[in-house]
Amino acid sequence: ILNFVEFGIMPDDSVTSPRFATLHHQGSFDPQPDRAKAFKEVGSLNVNEGIDEGVRAELARRGHRVNVAKGPIAHPVAIYIDHETGVQYAAGDPKTARHAGALIE
């Protein structure tokens, strides 16, 4: 969603772009009142192999514990409907065997 909202990247390119994930936050589905236990892996940052080595090195220099994931990170699908034109855009990451579709009545 960041690719689309922040950078205007359409769904087909967005879902196939290299991704990242972190456990350096409190999970919204498992809130933890004990702040010491809230952050599962402080400083963790998993990135796809497609993220440039220079970027990975800079992230590590900034204090992240960078781990390169061998497989996909998440299984994204995206649907965007341009309400001005009525055009529907839908995509799923083929590396994760995901598909997407949209119908408008």
PDB file of N, CA and C in Angstrom:
ATOM      1  N   ILE A   1       0.818  -1.197   0.000  1.00  0.00           N
ATOM      2  CA  ILE A   1       0.000   0.000   0.000  1.00  0.00           C
ATOM      3  C   ILE A   1       0.863   1.263   0.000  1.00  0.00           C
ATOM      4  N   LEU A   2       2.042   1.195   0.650  1.00  0.00           N
ATOM      5  CA  LEU A   2       2.933   2.361   0.648  1.00  0.00           C
ATOM      6  C   LEU A   2       3.369   2.722  -0.762  1.00  0.00           C
ATOM      7  N   ASN A   3       3.660   1.709  -1.580  1.00  0.00           N
ATOM      8  CA  ASN A   3       4.073   1.985  -2.953  1.00  0.00           C
ATOM      9  C   ASN A   3       3.026   2.806  -3.691  1.00  0.00           C
ATOM     10  N   PHE A   4       1.755   2.467  -3.498  1.00  0.00           N
ATOM     11  CA  PHE A   4       0.690   3.180  -4.195  1.00  0.00           C
ATOM     12  C   PHE A   4       0.424   4.541  -3.559  1.00  0.00           C
ATOM     13  N   VAL A   5       0.201   4.569  -2.257  1.00  0.00           N
ATOM     14  CA  VAL A   5      -0.176   5.813  -1.574  1.00  0.00           C
ATOM     15  C   VAL A   5       0.937   6.846  -1.602  1.00  0.00           C
ATOM     16  N   GLU A   6       2.147   6.428  -1.306  1.00  0.00           N
ATOM     17  CA  GLU A   6       3.251   7.387  -1.192  1.00  0.00           C
ATOM     18  C   GLU A   6       3.953   7.684  -2.517  1.00  0.00           C
ATOM     19  N   PHE A   7       3.981   6.693  -3.424  1.00  0.00           N
ATOM     20  CA  PHE A   7       4.786   6.865  -4.631  1.00  0.00           C
ATOM     21  C   PHE A   7       3.994   6.746  -5.930  1.00  0.00           C
ATOM     22  N   GLY A   8       2.692   6.453  -5.840  1.00  0.00           N
ATOM     23  CA  GLY A   8       1.862   6.363  -7.037  1.00  0.00           C
ATOM     24  C   GLY A   8       2.157   5.166  -7.921  1.00  0.00           C
ATOM     25  N   ILE A   9       2.782   4.132  -7.369  1.00  0.00           N
ATOM     26  CA  ILE A   9       3.107   2.932  -8.145  1.00  0.00           C
ATOM     27  C   ILE A   9       1.841   2.088  -8.266  1.00  0.00           C
ATOM     28  N   MET A  10       1.493   1.739  -9.487  1.00  0.00           N
ATOM     29  CA  MET A  10       0.260   0.996  -9.744  1.00  0.00           C
ATOM     30  C   MET A  10       0.375  -0.437  -9.209  1.00  0.00           C
ATOM     31  N   PRO A  11      -0.788  -1.097  -8.983  1.00  0.00           N
ATOM     32  CA  PRO A  11      -0.784  -2.421  -8.358  1.00  0.00           C
ATOM     33  C   PRO A  11       0.137  -3.454  -8.984  1.00  0.00           C
ATOM     34  N   ASP A  12       0.188  -3.557 -10.321  1.00  0.00           N
ATOM     35  CA  ASP A  12       1.004  -4.615 -10.931  1.00  0.00           C
ATOM     36  C   ASP A  12       2.486  -4.457 -10.612  1.00  0.00           C
ATOM     37  N   ASP A  13       2.984  -3.230 -10.584  1.00  0.00           N
ATOM     38  CA  ASP A  13       4.383  -3.014 -10.217  1.00  0.00           C
ATOM     39  C   ASP A  13       4.570  -3.032  -8.705  1.00  0.00           C
ATOM     40  N   SER A  14       3.568  -2.581  -7.990  1.00  0.00           N
ATOM     41  CA  SER A  14       3.676  -2.501  -6.538  1.00  0.00           C
ATOM     42  C   SER A  14       3.812  -3.877  -5.883  1.00  0.00           C
ATOM     43  N   VAL A  15       2.993  -4.829  -6.313  1.00  0.00           N
ATOM     44  CA  VAL A  15       3.007  -6.148  -5.659  1.00  0.00           C
ATOM     45  C   VAL A  15       4.226  -6.985  -6.013  1.00  0.00           C
ATOM     46  N   THR A  16       4.953  -6.593  -7.059  1.00  0.00           N
ATOM     47  CA  THR A  16       6.152  -7.340  -7.435  1.00  0.00           C
ATOM     48  C   THR A  16       7.441  -6.626  -7.025  1.00  0.00           C
ATOM     49  N   SER A  17       7.329  -5.464  -6.413  1.00  0.00           N
ATOM     50  CA  SER A  17       8.504  -4.729  -5.938  1.00  0.00           C
ATOM     51  C   SER A  17       9.113  -5.433  -4.733  1.00  0.00           C
ATOM     52  N   PRO A  18      10.436  -5.264  -4.526  1.00  0.00           N
ATOM     53  CA  PRO A  18      11.045  -5.811  -3.308  1.00  0.00           C
ATOM     54  C   PRO A  18      10.357  -5.251  -2.064  1.00  0.00           C
ATOM     55  N   ARG A  19      10.272  -6.093  -1.041  1.00  0.00           N
ATOM     56  CA  ARG A  19       9.545  -5.708   0.175  1.00  0.00           C
ATOM     57  C   ARG A  19      10.435  -5.824   1.404  1.00  0.00           C
ATOM     58  N   PHE A  20       9.905  -5.295   2.498  1.00  0.00           N
ATOM     59  CA  PHE A  20      10.572  -5.397   3.787  1.00  0.00           C
ATOM     60  C   PHE A  20       9.535  -5.726   4.844  1.00  0.00           C
ATOM     61  N   ALA A  21       9.997  -6.220   5.977  1.00  0.00           N
ATOM     62  CA  ALA A  21       9.128  -6.495   7.114  1.00  0.00           C
ATOM     63  C   ALA A  21       9.950  -6.344   8.386  1.00  0.00           C
ATOM     64  N   THR A  22       9.283  -5.974   9.439  1.00  0.00           N
ATOM     65  CA  THR A  22       9.957  -5.813  10.719  1.00  0.00           C
ATOM     66  C   THR A  22       9.043  -6.260  11.856  1.00  0.00           C
ATOM     67  N   LEU A  23       9.640  -6.707  12.930  1.00  0.00           N
ATOM     68  CA  LEU A  23       8.898  -6.987  14.164  1.00  0.00           C
ATOM     69  C   LEU A  23       9.290  -5.955  15.221  1.00  0.00           C
ATOM     70  N   HIS A  24       9.815  -4.829  14.748  1.00  0.00           N
ATOM     71  CA  HIS A  24      10.227  -3.727  15.623  1.00  0.00           C
ATOM     72  C   HIS A  24       9.038  -2.801  15.868  1.00  0.00           C
ATOM     73  N   HIS A  25       7.937  -3.378  16.228  1.00  0.00           N
ATOM     74  CA  HIS A  25       6.731  -2.611  16.560  1.00  0.00           C
ATOM     75  C   HIS A  25       5.792  -3.504  17.346  1.00  0.00           C
ATOM     76  N   GLN A  26       4.822  -2.891  17.974  1.00  0.00           N
ATOM     77  CA  GLN A  26       3.817  -3.670  18.686  1.00  0.00           C
ATOM     78  C   GLN A  26       2.800  -4.164  17.682  1.00  0.00           C
ATOM     79  N   GLY A  27       2.480  -5.434  17.719  1.00  0.00           N
ATOM     80  CA  GLY A  27       1.504  -5.995  16.799  1.00  0.00           C
ATOM     81  C   GLY A  27       0.100  -5.498  17.100  1.00  0.00           C
ATOM     82  N   SER A  28      -0.615  -5.037  16.082  1.00  0.00           N
ATOM     83  CA  SER A  28      -1.971  -4.521  16.281  1.00  0.00           C
ATOM     84  C   SER A  28      -2.966  -5.635  16.585  1.00  0.00           C
ATOM     85  N   PHE A  29      -2.644  -6.881  16.219  1.00  0.00           N
ATOM     86  CA  PHE A  29      -3.545  -7.985  16.493  1.00  0.00           C
ATOM     87  C   PHE A  29      -3.253  -8.663  17.827  1.00  0.00           C
ATOM     88  N   ASP A  30      -2.169  -8.276  18.467  1.00  0.00           N
ATOM     89  CA  ASP A  30      -1.803  -8.854  19.757  1.00  0.00           C
ATOM     90  C   ASP A  30      -1.218  -7.758  20.647  1.00  0.00           C
ATOM     91  N   PRO A  31      -2.054  -6.770  21.034  1.00  0.00           N
ATOM     92  CA  PRO A  31      -1.522  -5.680  21.849  1.00  0.00           C
ATOM     93  C   PRO A  31      -0.966  -6.196  23.177  1.00  0.00           C
ATOM     94  N   GLN A  32       0.131  -5.632  23.584  1.00  0.00           N
ATOM     95  CA  GLN A  32       0.831  -6.078  24.784  1.00  0.00           C
ATOM     96  C   GLN A  32       0.974  -4.888  25.735  1.00  0.00           C
ATOM     97  N   PRO A  33       0.296  -4.919  26.885  1.00  0.00           N
ATOM     98  CA  PRO A  33       0.396  -3.795  27.818  1.00  0.00           C
ATOM     99  C   PRO A  33       1.790  -3.658  28.443  1.00  0.00           C
ATOM    100  N   ASP A  34       2.548  -4.751  28.507  1.00  0.00           N
ATOM    101  CA  ASP A  34       3.904  -4.713  29.050  1.00  0.00           C
ATOM    102  C   ASP A  34       4.844  -4.211  27.962  1.00  0.00           C
ATOM    103  N   ARG A  35       5.283  -2.965  28.057  1.00  0.00           N
ATOM    104  CA  ARG A  35       6.099  -2.348  27.004  1.00  0.00           C
ATOM    105  C   ARG A  35       7.401  -3.117  26.751  1.00  0.00           C
ATOM    106  N   ALA A  36       7.949  -3.756  27.770  1.00  0.00           N
ATOM    107  CA  ALA A  36       9.183  -4.518  27.591  1.00  0.00           C
ATOM    108  C   ALA A  36       8.964  -5.721  26.667  1.00  0.00           C
ATOM    109  N   LYS A  37       7.736  -6.228  26.619  1.00  0.00           N
ATOM    110  CA  LYS A  37       7.414  -7.377  25.774  1.00  0.00           C
ATOM    111  C   LYS A  37       6.736  -6.970  24.466  1.00  0.00           C
ATOM    112  N   ALA A  38       6.399  -5.699  24.321  1.00  0.00           N
ATOM    113  CA  ALA A  38       5.628  -5.233  23.165  1.00  0.00           C
ATOM    114  C   ALA A  38       6.390  -5.367  21.857  1.00  0.00           C
ATOM    115  N   PHE A  39       7.681  -5.109  21.891  1.00  0.00           N
ATOM    116  CA  PHE A  39       8.469  -5.144  20.681  1.00  0.00           C
ATOM    117  C   PHE A  39       9.125  -6.516  20.560  1.00  0.00           C
ATOM    118  N   LYS A  40       8.687  -7.280  19.599  1.00  0.00           N
ATOM    119  CA  LYS A  40       9.100  -8.676  19.476  1.00  0.00           C
ATOM    120  C   LYS A  40      10.580  -8.837  19.121  1.00  0.00           C
ATOM    121  N   GLU A  41      11.079  -8.049  18.162  1.00  0.00           N
ATOM    122  CA  GLU A  41      12.478  -8.143  17.748  1.00  0.00           C
ATOM    123  C   GLU A  41      13.012  -6.737  17.493  1.00  0.00           C
ATOM    124  N   VAL A  42      13.482  -6.098  18.536  1.00  0.00           N
ATOM    125  CA  VAL A  42      13.966  -4.728  18.427  1.00  0.00           C
ATOM    126  C   VAL A  42      15.065  -4.637  17.374  1.00  0.00           C
ATOM    127  N   GLY A  43      14.901  -3.720  16.440  1.00  0.00           N
ATOM    128  CA  GLY A  43      15.906  -3.485  15.406  1.00  0.00           C
ATOM    129  C   GLY A  43      15.843  -4.412  14.214  1.00  0.00           C
ATOM    130  N   SER A  44      14.914  -5.371  14.221  1.00  0.00           N
ATOM    131  CA  SER A  44      14.864  -6.345  13.137  1.00  0.00           C
ATOM    132  C   SER A  44      14.387  -5.712  11.836  1.00  0.00           C
ATOM    133  N   LEU A  45      14.944  -6.167  10.733  1.00  0.00           N
ATOM    134  CA  LEU A  45      14.508  -5.712   9.422  1.00  0.00           C
ATOM    135  C   LEU A  45      14.790  -6.810   8.402  1.00  0.00           C
ATOM    136  N   ASN A  46      13.749  -7.439   7.912  1.00  0.00           N
ATOM    137  CA  ASN A  46      13.871  -8.446   6.865  1.00  0.00           C
ATOM    138  C   ASN A  46      13.646  -7.755   5.529  1.00  0.00           C
ATOM    139  N   VAL A  47      14.511  -8.018   4.572  1.00  0.00           N
ATOM    140  CA  VAL A  47      14.396  -7.421   3.242  1.00  0.00           C
ATOM    141  C   VAL A  47      14.515  -8.501   2.187  1.00  0.00           C
ATOM    142  N   ASN A  48      13.902  -8.259   1.033  1.00  0.00           N
ATOM    143  CA  ASN A  48      14.051  -9.171  -0.102  1.00  0.00           C
ATOM    144  C   ASN A  48      15.440  -9.057  -0.699  1.00  0.00           C
ATOM    145  N   GLU A  49      15.852 -10.112  -1.390  1.00  0.00           N
ATOM    146  CA  GLU A  49      17.148 -10.119  -2.077  1.00  0.00           C
ATOM    147  C   GLU A  49      17.241  -8.995  -3.108  1.00  0.00           C
ATOM    148  N   GLY A  50      16.106  -8.531  -3.628  1.00  0.00           N
ATOM    149  CA  GLY A  50      16.090  -7.481  -4.640  1.00  0.00           C
ATOM    150  C   GLY A  50      16.458  -6.098  -4.122  1.00  0.00           C
ATOM    151  N   ILE A  51      16.597  -5.949  -2.826  1.00  0.00           N
ATOM    152  CA  ILE A  51      17.016  -4.665  -2.256  1.00  0.00           C
ATOM    153  C   ILE A  51      18.531  -4.555  -2.408  1.00  0.00           C
ATOM    154  N   ASP A  52      18.966  -3.493  -3.029  1.00  0.00           N
ATOM    155  CA  ASP A  52      20.379  -3.285  -3.340  1.00  0.00           C
ATOM    156  C   ASP A  52      21.266  -3.452  -2.106  1.00  0.00           C
ATOM    157  N   GLU A  53      22.441  -4.048  -2.297  1.00  0.00           N
ATOM    158  CA  GLU A  53      23.382  -4.265  -1.188  1.00  0.00           C
ATOM    159  C   GLU A  53      23.808  -2.962  -0.532  1.00  0.00           C
ATOM    160  N   GLY A  54      23.933  -1.895  -1.320  1.00  0.00           N
ATOM    161  CA  GLY A  54      24.285  -0.599  -0.754  1.00  0.00           C
ATOM    162  C   GLY A  54      23.217  -0.079   0.187  1.00  0.00           C
ATOM    163  N   VAL A  55      21.956  -0.299  -0.173  1.00  0.00           N
ATOM    164  CA  VAL A  55      20.836   0.104   0.692  1.00  0.00           C
ATOM    165  C   VAL A  55      20.861  -0.719   1.973  1.00  0.00           C
ATOM    166  N   ARG A  56      21.101  -2.024   1.830  1.00  0.00           N
ATOM    167  CA  ARG A  56      21.172  -2.895   3.015  1.00  0.00           C
ATOM    168  C   ARG A  56      22.295  -2.451   3.951  1.00  0.00           C
ATOM    169  N   ALA A  57      23.433  -2.120   3.384  1.00  0.00           N
ATOM    170  CA  ALA A  57      24.572  -1.669   4.199  1.00  0.00           C
ATOM    171  C   ALA A  57      24.241  -0.373   4.926  1.00  0.00           C
ATOM    172  N   GLU A  58      23.563   0.535   4.249  1.00  0.00           N
ATOM    173  CA  GLU A  58      23.183   1.803   4.884  1.00  0.00           C
ATOM    174  C   GLU A  58      22.175   1.573   6.009  1.00  0.00           C
ATOM    175  N   LEU A  59      21.239   0.660   5.793  1.00  0.00           N
ATOM    176  CA  LEU A  59      20.265   0.338   6.847  1.00  0.00           C
ATOM    177  C   LEU A  59      20.975  -0.258   8.060  1.00  0.00           C
ATOM    178  N   ALA A  60      21.938  -1.131   7.818  1.00  0.00           N
ATOM    179  CA  ALA A  60      22.717  -1.711   8.916  1.00  0.00           C
ATOM    180  C   ALA A  60      23.526  -0.633   9.631  1.00  0.00           C
ATOM    181  N   ARG A  61      24.110   0.280   8.860  1.00  0.00           N
ATOM    182  CA  ARG A  61      24.878   1.380   9.456  1.00  0.00           C
ATOM    183  C   ARG A  61      23.989   2.240  10.370  1.00  0.00           C
ATOM    184  N   ARG A  62      22.715   2.328  10.037  1.00  0.00           N
ATOM    185  CA  ARG A  62      21.765   3.111  10.837  1.00  0.00           C
ATOM    186  C   ARG A  62      21.221   2.337  12.038  1.00  0.00           C
ATOM    187  N   GLY A  63      21.697   1.115  12.229  1.00  0.00           N
ATOM    188  CA  GLY A  63      21.335   0.369  13.422  1.00  0.00           C
ATOM    189  C   GLY A  63      20.348  -0.768  13.244  1.00  0.00           C
ATOM    190  N   HIS A  64      19.889  -0.996  12.022  1.00  0.00           N
ATOM    191  CA  HIS A  64      18.966  -2.108  11.793  1.00  0.00           C
ATOM    192  C   HIS A  64      19.739  -3.425  11.747  1.00  0.00           C
ATOM    193  N   ARG A  65      19.105  -4.489  12.232  1.00  0.00           N
ATOM    194  CA  ARG A  65      19.659  -5.835  12.096  1.00  0.00           C
ATOM    195  C   ARG A  65      19.042  -6.418  10.830  1.00  0.00           C
ATOM    196  N   VAL A  66      19.743  -6.265   9.717  1.00  0.00           N
ATOM    197  CA  VAL A  66      19.212  -6.616   8.400  1.00  0.00           C
ATOM    198  C   VAL A  66      19.375  -8.106   8.130  1.00  0.00           C
ATOM    199  N   ASN A  67      18.288  -8.742   7.750  1.00  0.00           N
ATOM    200  CA  ASN A  67      18.275 -10.142   7.359  1.00  0.00           C
ATOM    201  C   ASN A  67      17.725 -10.203   5.934  1.00  0.00           C
ATOM    202  N   VAL A  68      18.420 -10.878   5.042  1.00  0.00           N
ATOM    203  CA  VAL A  68      17.960 -11.016   3.667  1.00  0.00           C
ATOM    204  C   VAL A  68      17.102 -12.276   3.570  1.00  0.00           C
ATOM    205  N   ALA A  69      15.842 -12.100   3.241  1.00  0.00           N
ATOM    206  CA  ALA A  69      14.907 -13.217   3.111  1.00  0.00           C
ATOM    207  C   ALA A  69      15.116 -13.901   1.770  1.00  0.00           C
ATOM    208  N   LYS A  70      15.231 -15.196   1.780  1.00  0.00           N
ATOM    209  CA  LYS A  70      15.447 -15.958   0.551  1.00  0.00           C
ATOM    210  C   LYS A  70      14.159 -16.060  -0.269  1.00  0.00           C
ATOM    211  N   GLY A  71      13.032 -16.110   0.381  1.00  0.00           N
ATOM    212  CA  GLY A  71      11.751 -16.216  -0.314  1.00  0.00           C
ATOM    213  C   GLY A  71      10.939 -14.938  -0.188  1.00  0.00           C
ATOM    214  N   PRO A  72       9.689 -14.995  -0.607  1.00  0.00           N
ATOM    215  CA  PRO A  72       8.834 -13.815  -0.554  1.00  0.00           C
ATOM    216  C   PRO A  72       8.593 -13.334   0.880  1.00  0.00           C
ATOM    217  N   ILE A  73       8.390 -12.046   0.996  1.00  0.00           N
ATOM    218  CA  ILE A  73       7.949 -11.448   2.253  1.00  0.00           C
ATOM    219  C   ILE A  73       6.501 -11.043   2.015  1.00  0.00           C
ATOM    220  N   ALA A  74       5.601 -11.700   2.704  1.00  0.00           N
ATOM    221  CA  ALA A  74       4.152 -11.470   2.577  1.00  0.00           C
ATOM    222  C   ALA A  74       3.631 -12.004   1.244  1.00  0.00           C
ATOM    223  N   HIS A  75       2.348 -11.855   1.042  1.00  0.00           N
ATOM    224  CA  HIS A  75       1.662 -12.356  -0.154  1.00  0.00           C
ATOM    225  C   HIS A  75       0.705 -11.269  -0.638  1.00  0.00           C
ATOM    226  N   PRO A  76       1.236 -10.193  -1.212  1.00  0.00           N
ATOM    227  CA  PRO A  76       0.389  -9.042  -1.492  1.00  0.00           C
ATOM    228  C   PRO A  76      -0.534  -9.203  -2.699  1.00  0.00           C
ATOM    229  N   VAL A  77      -1.693  -8.591  -2.551  1.00  0.00           N
ATOM    230  CA  VAL A  77      -2.618  -8.351  -3.655  1.00  0.00           C
ATOM    231  C   VAL A  77      -3.046  -6.895  -3.528  1.00  0.00           C
ATOM    232  N   ALA A  78      -3.402  -6.292  -4.631  1.00  0.00           N
ATOM    233  CA  ALA A  78      -3.836  -4.901  -4.602  1.00  0.00           C
ATOM    234  C   ALA A  78      -4.925  -4.682  -5.633  1.00  0.00           C
ATOM    235  N   ILE A  79      -5.897  -3.895  -5.257  1.00  0.00           N
ATOM    236  CA  ILE A  79      -6.970  -3.503  -6.168  1.00  0.00           C
ATOM    237  C   ILE A  79      -7.126  -1.997  -6.062  1.00  0.00           C
ATOM    238  N   TYR A  80      -7.169  -1.345  -7.195  1.00  0.00           N
ATOM    239  CA  TYR A  80      -7.375   0.098  -7.243  1.00  0.00           C
ATOM    240  C   TYR A  80      -8.432   0.381  -8.299  1.00  0.00           C
ATOM    241  N   ILE A  81      -9.427   1.170  -7.934  1.00  0.00           N
ATOM    242  CA  ILE A  81     -10.477   1.565  -8.860  1.00  0.00           C
ATOM    243  C   ILE A  81     -10.385   3.068  -9.048  1.00  0.00           C
ATOM    244  N   ASP A  82     -10.131   3.473 -10.273  1.00  0.00           N
ATOM    245  CA  ASP A  82     -10.093   4.898 -10.606  1.00  0.00           C
ATOM    246  C   ASP A  82     -11.544   5.342 -10.806  1.00  0.00           C
ATOM    247  N   HIS A  83     -12.078   6.058  -9.844  1.00  0.00           N
ATOM    248  CA  HIS A  83     -13.501   6.427  -9.890  1.00  0.00           C
ATOM    249  C   HIS A  83     -13.806   7.482 -10.948  1.00  0.00           C
ATOM    250  N   GLU A  84     -12.802   8.174 -11.427  1.00  0.00           N
ATOM    251  CA  GLU A  84     -13.028   9.151 -12.498  1.00  0.00           C
ATOM    252  C   GLU A  84     -13.207   8.467 -13.845  1.00  0.00           C
ATOM    253  N   THR A  85     -12.421   7.413 -14.095  1.00  0.00           N
ATOM    254  CA  THR A  85     -12.482   6.735 -15.391  1.00  0.00           C
ATOM    255  C   THR A  85     -13.238   5.412 -15.330  1.00  0.00           C
ATOM    256  N   GLY A  86     -13.401   4.863 -14.125  1.00  0.00           N
ATOM    257  CA  GLY A  86     -14.039   3.558 -13.973  1.00  0.00           C
ATOM    258  C   GLY A  86     -13.101   2.390 -14.235  1.00  0.00           C
ATOM    259  N   VAL A  87     -11.839   2.667 -14.539  1.00  0.00           N
ATOM    260  CA  VAL A  87     -10.877   1.599 -14.809  1.00  0.00           C
ATOM    261  C   VAL A  87     -10.492   0.916 -13.501  1.00  0.00           C
ATOM    262  N   GLN A  88     -10.447  -0.411 -13.557  1.00  0.00           N
ATOM    263  CA  GLN A  88     -10.075  -1.214 -12.401  1.00  0.00           C
ATOM    264  C   GLN A  88      -8.686  -1.807 -12.616  1.00  0.00           C
ATOM    265  N   TYR A  89      -7.860  -1.734 -11.606  1.00  0.00           N
ATOM    266  CA  TYR A  89      -6.517  -2.302 -11.647  1.00  0.00           C
ATOM    267  C   TYR A  89      -6.424  -3.315 -10.520  1.00  0.00           C
ATOM    268  N   ALA A  90      -6.008  -4.522 -10.839  1.00  0.00           N
ATOM    269  CA  ALA A  90      -5.890  -5.559  -9.827  1.00  0.00           C
ATOM    270  C   ALA A  90      -4.650  -6.397 -10.117  1.00  0.00           C
ATOM    271  N   ALA A  91      -3.939  -6.766  -9.064  1.00  0.00           N
ATOM    272  CA  ALA A  91      -2.729  -7.567  -9.255  1.00  0.00           C
ATOM    273  C   ALA A  91      -2.401  -8.356  -8.000  1.00  0.00           C
ATOM    274  N   GLY A  92      -1.797  -9.500  -8.203  1.00  0.00           N
ATOM    275  CA  GLY A  92      -1.250 -10.308  -7.122  1.00  0.00           C
ATOM    276  C   GLY A  92       0.166 -10.699  -7.502  1.00  0.00           C
ATOM    277  N   ASP A  93       0.994 -10.917  -6.518  1.00  0.00           N
ATOM    278  CA  ASP A  93       2.388 -11.267  -6.781  1.00  0.00           C
ATOM    279  C   ASP A  93       2.461 -12.690  -7.321  1.00  0.00           C
ATOM    280  N   PRO A  94       2.885 -12.876  -8.577  1.00  0.00           N
ATOM    281  CA  PRO A  94       2.946 -14.232  -9.134  1.00  0.00           C
ATOM    282  C   PRO A  94       3.936 -15.146  -8.408  1.00  0.00           C
ATOM    283  N   LYS A  95       4.966 -14.564  -7.754  1.00  0.00           N
ATOM    284  CA  LYS A  95       5.930 -15.398  -7.014  1.00  0.00           C
ATOM    285  C   LYS A  95       5.282 -16.070  -5.810  1.00  0.00           C
ATOM    286  N   THR A  96       4.141 -15.544  -5.372  1.00  0.00           N
ATOM    287  CA  THR A  96       3.451 -16.119  -4.216  1.00  0.00           C
ATOM    288  C   THR A  96       2.134 -16.784  -4.615  1.00  0.00           C
ATOM    289  N   ALA A  97       1.921 -16.932  -5.937  1.00  0.00           N
ATOM    290  CA  ALA A  97       0.720 -17.556  -6.473  1.00  0.00           C
ATOM    291  C   ALA A  97      -0.544 -16.824  -6.041  1.00  0.00           C
ATOM    292  N   ARG A  98      -0.489 -15.499  -5.986  1.00  0.00           N
ATOM    293  CA  ARG A  98      -1.644 -14.685  -5.623  1.00  0.00           C
ATOM    294  C   ARG A  98      -2.248 -14.061  -6.872  1.00  0.00           C
ATOM    295  N   HIS A  99      -3.547 -13.894  -6.840  1.00  0.00           N
ATOM    296  CA  HIS A  99      -4.293 -13.278  -7.938  1.00  0.00           C
ATOM    297  C   HIS A  99      -5.256 -12.277  -7.326  1.00  0.00           C
ATOM    298  N   ALA A 100      -5.728 -11.343  -8.127  1.00  0.00           N
ATOM    299  CA  ALA A 100      -6.695 -10.354  -7.646  1.00  0.00           C
ATOM    300  C   ALA A 100      -7.650 -10.015  -8.780  1.00  0.00           C
ATOM    301  N   GLY A 101      -8.850  -9.626  -8.421  1.00  0.00           N
ATOM    302  CA  GLY A 101      -9.835  -9.202  -9.399  1.00  0.00           C
ATOM    303  C   GLY A 101     -10.854  -8.299  -8.748  1.00  0.00           C
ATOM    304  N   ALA A 102     -11.530  -7.523  -9.548  1.00  0.00           N
ATOM    305  CA  ALA A 102     -12.541  -6.595  -9.020  1.00  0.00           C
ATOM    306  C   ALA A 102     -13.728  -6.553  -9.971  1.00  0.00           C
ATOM    307  N   LEU A 103     -14.905  -6.428  -9.419  1.00  0.00           N
ATOM    308  CA  LEU A 103     -16.136  -6.286 -10.202  1.00  0.00           C
ATOM    309  C   LEU A 103     -16.872  -5.051  -9.695  1.00  0.00           C
ATOM    310  N   ILE A 104     -17.400  -4.287 -10.606  1.00  0.00           N
ATOM    311  CA  ILE A 104     -18.223  -3.130 -10.229  1.00  0.00           C
ATOM    312  C   ILE A 104     -19.575  -3.295 -10.886  1.00  0.00           C
ATOM    313  N   GLU A 105     -20.605  -3.067 -10.125  1.00  0.00           N
ATOM    314  CA  GLU A 105     -21.955  -3.120 -10.697  1.00  0.00           C
ATOM    315  C   GLU A 105     -22.429  -1.752 -11.043  1.00  0.00           C
TER     316      GLU A 105
END
